[in-house]
């Protein structure tokens, strides 16, 4: 989890620096999280005891988004003019 958190911090810092370097060019950057999306990305990473796995399944049913739902924030940042002044955030 430490490595995951560090990688997310690196994404944020990269977006901020890229926004600074591209200031005035009309290119905008964002660091965002689509949430917990039901994909096959972690299909081989689930090496955990069965009790933890059952808990994860319960949480997944409660909080996991579909790919369609997960992409909405990304699309909003890509096409909306409302967030142009939030570049680098």
Protein backbone atom coordinates (compact mmCIF):
# COMPACT_ATOMS: atom_id res chain seq x y z
CA UNK A 1 0.00 0.00 0.00
CA UNK A 2 2.92 2.36 0.64
CA UNK A 3 4.14 1.96 -2.94
CA UNK A 4 0.60 2.52 -4.25
CA UNK A 5 0.24 5.71 -2.22
CA UNK A 6 3.63 6.93 -3.36
CA UNK A 7 2.72 6.32 -6.99
CA UNK A 8 -0.51 8.32 -6.57
CA UNK A 9 1.46 11.20 -5.04
CA UNK A 10 3.85 11.05 -8.00
CA UNK A 11 0.87 11.31 -10.38
CA UNK A 12 -0.35 14.45 -8.59
CA UNK A 13 3.08 16.07 -8.56
CA UNK A 14 3.56 15.26 -12.24
CA UNK A 15 0.19 16.81 -13.17
CA UNK A 16 1.06 19.98 -11.24
CA UNK A 17 4.49 20.34 -12.84
CA UNK A 18 3.15 19.60 -16.31
CA UNK A 19 0.44 22.23 -15.82
CA UNK A 20 3.12 24.75 -14.84
CA UNK A 21 5.24 23.96 -17.90
CA UNK A 22 2.25 24.06 -20.27
CA UNK A 23 0.76 27.24 -18.85
CA UNK A 24 -0.65 29.42 -21.61
CA UNK A 25 -0.56 26.71 -24.29
CA UNK A 26 -4.21 25.66 -23.99
CA UNK A 27 -3.23 22.20 -22.74
CA UNK A 28 -4.65 21.25 -19.33
CA UNK A 29 -3.59 18.49 -16.94
CA UNK A 30 -5.46 16.71 -14.18
CA UNK A 31 -4.70 14.02 -11.63
CA UNK A 32 -7.82 12.05 -10.85
CA UNK A 33 -9.06 8.76 -9.54
CA UNK A 34 -11.99 7.06 -11.24
CA UNK A 35 -12.79 5.15 -8.07
CA UNK A 36 -12.88 1.41 -7.62
CA UNK A 37 -13.79 0.16 -11.09
CA UNK A 38 -14.68 -3.42 -11.98
CA UNK A 39 -11.91 -4.38 -14.39
CA UNK A 40 -9.54 -7.30 -14.73
CA UNK A 41 -6.45 -5.24 -13.82
CA UNK A 42 -5.95 -6.91 -10.43
CA UNK A 43 -6.96 -10.42 -11.47
CA UNK A 44 -3.55 -11.85 -10.60
CA UNK A 45 -2.82 -9.62 -7.61
CA UNK A 46 -5.37 -11.08 -5.21
CA UNK A 47 -3.21 -13.30 -3.05
CA UNK A 48 -5.02 -13.08 0.27
CA UNK A 49 -6.66 -15.34 2.85
CA UNK A 50 -10.20 -16.45 2.02
CA UNK A 51 -11.71 -14.41 4.90
CA UNK A 52 -10.20 -11.22 3.49
CA UNK A 53 -11.33 -12.19 0.01
CA UNK A 54 -14.95 -12.58 1.20
CA UNK A 55 -14.73 -9.13 2.81
CA UNK A 56 -13.44 -7.69 -0.44
CA UNK A 57 -16.34 -9.23 -2.35
CA UNK A 58 -18.85 -7.59 0.00
CA UNK A 59 -17.10 -4.22 -0.38
CA UNK A 60 -16.96 -4.69 -4.14
CA UNK A 61 -20.69 -5.18 -4.41
CA UNK A 62 -21.29 -2.08 -2.30
CA UNK A 63 -18.76 0.34 -3.79
CA UNK A 64 -17.36 -0.91 -7.10
CA UNK A 65 -18.25 1.08 -10.20
CA UNK A 66 -18.83 -0.18 -13.70
CA UNK A 67 -16.28 0.83 -16.35
CA UNK A 68 -18.91 3.23 -17.75
CA UNK A 69 -19.28 4.92 -14.37
CA UNK A 70 -15.54 4.99 -13.78
CA UNK A 71 -14.77 6.83 -17.00
CA UNK A 72 -17.19 9.69 -16.33
CA UNK A 73 -14.73 11.82 -14.32
CA UNK A 74 -12.05 11.30 -16.94
CA UNK A 75 -14.40 12.33 -19.74
CA UNK A 76 -15.54 15.36 -17.76
CA UNK A 77 -11.96 16.60 -17.42
CA UNK A 78 -11.27 15.87 -21.09
CA UNK A 79 -14.26 17.68 -22.61
CA UNK A 80 -15.64 20.20 -20.11
CA UNK A 81 -14.59 23.84 -20.28
CA UNK A 82 -15.76 24.27 -16.68
CA UNK A 83 -12.56 22.73 -15.29
CA UNK A 84 -10.01 24.56 -17.46
CA UNK A 85 -9.08 26.86 -14.57
CA UNK A 86 -8.33 23.81 -12.42
CA UNK A 87 -5.42 22.56 -14.49
CA UNK A 88 -2.79 20.79 -12.43
CA UNK A 89 -5.24 19.87 -9.69
